Amino acid sequence: MTPSRSPMPASAAPRRRRLRWLAVAAALVVVLLLLAVVPREQAGLGATATRQDLPAGPPWTHGAARARFVLGLYADLACPFCQSYVPQLQEWIGTQPDLQLQWHHLPLAMHEPVAGQQAVLAECAGRIGGQDAFWSAIRWAYAQPRANGQVPDLDAHLEASEALRACIDGGDAAAAVHAQAQEAMAPGITATPSLRLIHQHSGQSMVLAGPLQGDALLSAIDMLASPEPDLNPPQEQ
């Protein structure tokens, strides 16, 4: 007579089922963790690529990284018209996918020594901290009072540091500011704010007497983009 196998204890089957469910649950947790990690890595790679598209500067730019048109802004950090116009222009540029703003230092003799020293401060801030630091220094400079032509106290600048002071005292930034002011004379720019619109593909350009608002700037872009551009700039209405 063939011996019969002893029956499985009643508690063994439920225990095996529990182990199987635990294994399935553990595998599911691993899959979910992988799904959570991969998008983060992909997002991180995408963010890095976007940041790499933006040049560290100089030149100091704002807006689209690969724009068809560049709008050169010639400005003075002690110019009252620039003080009100530049923030508006920056905000508008941020809504234009085909336009990039590029800053050009043009401290006017009538506004010295404030204009030149503030330009050097902004230039040094950008060289140390990049684009964001440069534009932060521009906003800070325009926010300072202009009482009696006094130069704002550097200690009031939130990003003041030994590196910033060393750059200001070094002379290279001052030389760059002076060179940009001299370059402005080539297209005949002597007042602030002034604008120069450049078509990146054709190289055609148009000097615009600022401050111009968005509608006039869009008209200038249309004119410069036409096959036979009319280089007479539009006038503000």
Protein backbone atom coordinates (compact mmCIF):
# COMPACT_ATOMS: atom_id res chain seq x y z
CA MET A 1 0.00 0.00 0.00
CA THR A 2 1.42 3.36 -1.06
CA PRO A 3 1.95 5.57 1.91
CA SER A 4 -0.07 8.75 1.72
CA ARG A 5 1.62 12.16 2.11
CA SER A 6 0.87 14.02 5.23
CA PRO A 7 -1.56 16.88 4.66
CA MET A 8 -0.20 20.48 4.59
CA PRO A 9 -0.80 22.34 7.82
CA ALA A 10 -3.77 24.68 7.57
CA SER A 11 -1.63 27.73 8.36
CA ALA A 12 0.99 27.10 5.60
CA ALA A 13 -1.17 28.04 2.59
CA PRO A 14 -2.23 31.45 3.89
CA ARG A 15 1.39 32.13 4.86
CA ARG A 16 2.58 31.44 1.30
CA ARG A 17 -0.15 33.64 -0.14
CA ARG A 18 0.92 36.46 2.17
CA LEU A 19 4.55 36.04 1.09
CA ARG A 20 3.53 36.20 -2.59
CA TRP A 21 1.50 39.37 -1.98
CA LEU A 22 4.41 40.92 -0.09
CA ALA A 23 6.74 40.13 -3.00
CA VAL A 24 4.30 41.67 -5.49
CA ALA A 25 3.88 44.76 -3.29
CA ALA A 26 7.65 45.16 -2.96
CA ALA A 27 8.10 44.93 -6.73
CA LEU A 28 5.36 47.50 -7.23
CA VAL A 29 7.06 49.89 -4.81
CA VAL A 30 10.34 49.52 -6.73
CA VAL A 31 8.59 50.27 -10.04
CA LEU A 32 6.89 53.35 -8.59
CA LEU A 33 10.17 54.62 -7.21
CA LEU A 34 11.84 54.20 -10.59
CA LEU A 35 9.00 56.06 -12.30
CA ALA A 36 9.37 58.88 -9.80
CA VAL A 37 13.14 59.15 -10.18
CA VAL A 38 13.38 59.03 -13.98
CA PRO A 39 11.18 62.10 -14.67
CA ARG A 40 13.14 64.07 -12.08
CA GLU A 41 16.40 63.17 -13.82
CA GLN A 42 14.94 64.06 -17.21
CA ALA A 43 13.60 67.35 -15.86
CA GLY A 44 16.99 68.10 -14.38
CA LEU A 45 18.69 67.47 -17.71
CA GLY A 46 16.20 69.70 -19.47
CA ALA A 47 16.70 72.50 -16.97
CA THR A 48 20.46 72.24 -17.38
CA ALA A 49 20.16 72.50 -21.15
CA THR A 50 17.98 75.59 -20.84
CA ARG A 51 20.48 77.29 -18.53
CA GLN A 52 23.33 76.39 -20.90
CA ASP A 53 21.48 78.18 -23.71
CA LEU A 54 21.84 81.47 -21.84
CA PRO A 55 25.33 83.00 -22.14
CA ALA A 56 27.05 83.94 -18.90
CA GLY A 57 27.83 87.42 -20.22
CA PRO A 58 28.99 89.88 -21.18
CA PRO A 59 27.12 90.89 -23.25
CA TRP A 60 24.33 91.36 -20.72
CA THR A 61 21.10 90.14 -22.23
CA HIS A 62 17.47 89.69 -21.28
CA GLY A 63 14.78 87.71 -23.10
CA ALA A 64 14.91 84.92 -25.66
CA ALA A 65 18.25 83.11 -25.92
CA ARG A 66 17.95 82.48 -29.69
CA ALA A 67 16.03 85.50 -30.92
CA ARG A 68 15.83 86.66 -34.54
CA PHE A 69 16.20 90.27 -33.42
CA VAL A 70 18.45 91.96 -30.87
CA LEU A 71 17.43 95.27 -29.36
CA GLY A 72 20.51 97.11 -28.15
CA LEU A 73 19.68 99.40 -25.23
CA TYR A 74 22.09 102.30 -24.70
CA ALA A 75 21.41 103.55 -21.21
CA ASP A 76 22.80 105.65 -18.38
CA LEU A 77 22.24 104.55 -14.79
CA ALA A 78 21.76 108.16 -13.66
CA CYS A 79 19.34 109.04 -16.49
CA PRO A 80 15.84 109.85 -15.16
CA PHE A 81 14.17 108.80 -18.44
CA CYS A 82 16.02 105.47 -18.34
CA GLN A 83 14.99 104.99 -14.72
CA SER A 84 11.33 104.83 -15.67
CA TYR A 85 11.71 103.31 -19.15
CA VAL A 86 14.11 100.38 -18.63
CA PRO A 87 11.88 98.36 -16.25
CA GLN A 88 8.91 98.76 -18.64
CA LEU A 89 11.04 97.71 -21.60
CA GLN A 90 12.35 94.65 -19.75
CA GLU A 91 8.84 93.54 -18.88
CA TRP A 92 7.69 93.93 -22.49
CA ILE A 93 10.75 92.11 -23.88
CA GLY A 94 9.82 89.14 -21.70
CA THR A 95 6.63 88.70 -23.76
CA GLN A 96 8.42 88.69 -27.15
CA PRO A 97 9.79 85.28 -28.24
CA ASP A 98 11.80 86.70 -31.18
CA LEU A 99 13.46 89.61 -29.39
CA GLN A 100 16.44 89.81 -27.05
CA LEU A 101 17.47 92.90 -25.10
CA GLN A 102 21.19 93.66 -24.95
CA TRP A 103 22.57 96.29 -22.59
CA HIS A 104 25.18 98.87 -23.65
CA HIS A 105 26.75 101.18 -21.09
CA LEU A 106 26.52 104.84 -22.08
CA PRO A 107 27.19 107.02 -19.02
CA LEU A 108 26.76 110.64 -20.07
CA ALA A 109 29.23 113.33 -19.00
CA MET A 110 26.43 115.41 -17.47
CA HIS A 111 25.63 112.56 -15.07
CA GLU A 112 29.17 111.84 -13.87
CA PRO A 113 30.52 110.63 -11.53
CA VAL A 114 27.34 108.76 -10.57
CA ALA A 115 26.65 107.27 -14.01
CA GLY A 116 30.13 105.88 -14.54
CA GLN A 117 30.52 104.44 -11.07
CA GLN A 118 27.11 102.79 -11.19
CA ALA A 119 27.94 101.30 -14.60
CA VAL A 120 31.15 99.82 -13.18
CA LEU A 121 29.21 98.40 -10.23
CA ALA A 122 26.70 96.69 -12.55
CA GLU A 123 29.47 95.40 -14.82
CA CYS A 124 31.32 93.89 -11.86
CA ALA A 125 28.15 92.39 -10.41
CA GLY A 126 27.55 90.62 -13.72
CA ARG A 127 31.12 89.39 -14.03
CA ILE A 128 30.93 87.85 -10.58
CA GLY A 129 27.33 86.62 -10.49
CA GLY A 130 26.22 86.32 -14.12
CA GLN A 131 23.18 87.68 -15.93
CA ASP A 132 20.82 87.68 -12.95
CA ALA A 133 23.31 89.57 -10.79
CA PHE A 134 23.86 92.17 -13.53
CA TRP A 135 20.16 92.92 -13.95
CA SER A 136 19.70 92.93 -10.19
CA ALA A 137 22.39 95.62 -9.98
CA ILE A 138 20.61 97.61 -12.71
CA ARG A 139 17.37 97.52 -10.73
CA TRP A 140 19.22 98.49 -7.56
CA ALA A 141 20.95 101.43 -9.25
CA TYR A 142 17.69 102.83 -10.65
CA ALA A 143 16.04 102.48 -7.24
CA GLN A 144 18.61 104.76 -5.55
CA PRO A 145 17.79 108.43 -4.85
CA ARG A 146 19.61 111.02 -6.97
CA ALA A 147 20.01 113.72 -4.31
CA ASN A 148 22.72 116.29 -5.20
CA GLY A 149 24.43 113.89 -7.58
CA GLN A 150 25.78 111.78 -4.74
CA VAL A 151 27.07 108.31 -5.53
CA PRO A 152 24.99 105.70 -3.63
CA ASP A 153 26.82 103.95 -0.82
CA LEU A 154 28.16 100.60 -2.00
CA ASP A 155 27.48 99.16 1.45
CA ALA A 156 23.76 99.57 0.72
CA HIS A 157 24.03 97.10 -2.16
CA LEU A 158 22.69 93.76 -0.97
CA GLU A 159 25.25 91.79 -2.96
CA ALA A 160 28.30 93.84 -1.88
CA SER A 161 31.29 91.57 -1.27
CA GLU A 162 35.06 91.64 -1.24
CA ALA A 163 35.08 90.20 -4.78
CA LEU A 164 32.79 93.00 -5.96
CA ARG A 165 34.99 95.66 -4.36
CA ALA A 166 38.11 94.10 -5.86
CA CYS A 167 36.53 94.14 -9.33
CA ILE A 168 35.49 97.78 -8.97
CA ASP A 169 39.00 98.77 -7.87
CA GLY A 170 40.70 96.63 -10.53
CA GLY A 171 40.01 98.85 -13.53
CA ASP A 172 38.99 96.21 -16.10
CA ALA A 173 35.27 96.86 -15.65
CA ALA A 174 35.79 100.62 -15.96
CA ALA A 175 37.71 100.04 -19.20
CA ALA A 176 34.84 97.92 -20.55
CA VAL A 177 32.30 100.62 -19.70
CA HIS A 178 34.45 103.26 -21.43
CA ALA A 179 34.87 101.04 -24.51
CA GLN A 180 31.10 100.55 -24.83
CA ALA A 181 30.52 104.29 -24.56
CA GLN A 182 33.03 104.85 -27.37
CA GLU A 183 31.43 102.14 -29.53
CA ALA A 184 28.08 103.92 -29.27
CA MET A 185 29.50 106.79 -31.31
CA ALA A 186 29.88 104.60 -34.42
CA PRO A 187 26.12 104.46 -35.13
CA GLY A 188 25.79 108.06 -33.92
CA ILE A 189 24.23 107.36 -30.52
CA THR A 190 24.84 110.20 -28.06
CA ALA A 191 21.69 110.30 -25.88
CA THR A 192 19.97 107.93 -23.48
CA PRO A 193 17.87 105.94 -23.69
CA SER A 194 18.58 105.00 -27.30
CA LEU A 195 17.85 101.75 -29.11
CA ARG A 196 19.41 99.85 -31.98
CA LEU A 197 17.40 97.05 -33.57
CA ILE A 198 19.48 94.36 -35.31
CA HIS A 199 18.23 91.56 -37.58
CA GLN A 200 20.40 88.58 -36.64
CA HIS A 201 20.14 86.84 -40.03
CA SER A 202 20.64 89.76 -42.42
CA GLY A 203 22.79 91.98 -40.21
CA GLN A 204 20.59 94.97 -41.06
CA SER A 205 20.14 97.43 -38.21
CA MET A 206 18.12 100.51 -37.34
CA VAL A 207 18.86 103.16 -34.71
CA LEU A 208 15.77 104.22 -32.77
CA ALA A 209 15.50 107.29 -30.58
CA GLY A 210 14.00 106.08 -27.33
CA PRO A 211 12.00 105.68 -25.34
CA LEU A 212 9.77 103.76 -27.75
CA GLN A 213 6.80 101.68 -26.65
CA GLY A 214 5.88 98.19 -27.81
CA ASP A 215 3.74 99.12 -30.83
CA ALA A 216 6.48 101.28 -32.35
CA LEU A 217 9.08 98.59 -31.70
CA LEU A 218 6.92 95.95 -33.40
CA SER A 219 6.56 98.26 -36.41
CA ALA A 220 10.34 98.60 -36.55
CA ILE A 221 10.71 94.81 -36.44
CA ASP A 222 8.24 94.42 -39.33
CA MET A 223 10.15 97.01 -41.36
CA LEU A 224 13.51 95.38 -40.72
CA ALA A 225 12.16 91.90 -41.52
CA SER A 226 10.79 92.91 -44.93
CA PRO A 227 12.74 91.85 -48.07
CA GLU A 228 13.63 95.49 -48.80
CA PRO A 229 13.67 97.11 -45.38
CA ASP A 230 12.98 100.82 -44.97
CA LEU A 231 15.68 101.88 -42.54
CA ASN A 232 13.90 105.10 -41.59
CA PRO A 233 12.80 104.37 -38.03
CA PRO A 234 9.15 104.68 -37.01
CA GLN A 235 8.20 107.62 -34.82
CA GLU A 236 6.42 107.34 -31.50
CA GLN A 237 2.80 108.50 -31.83
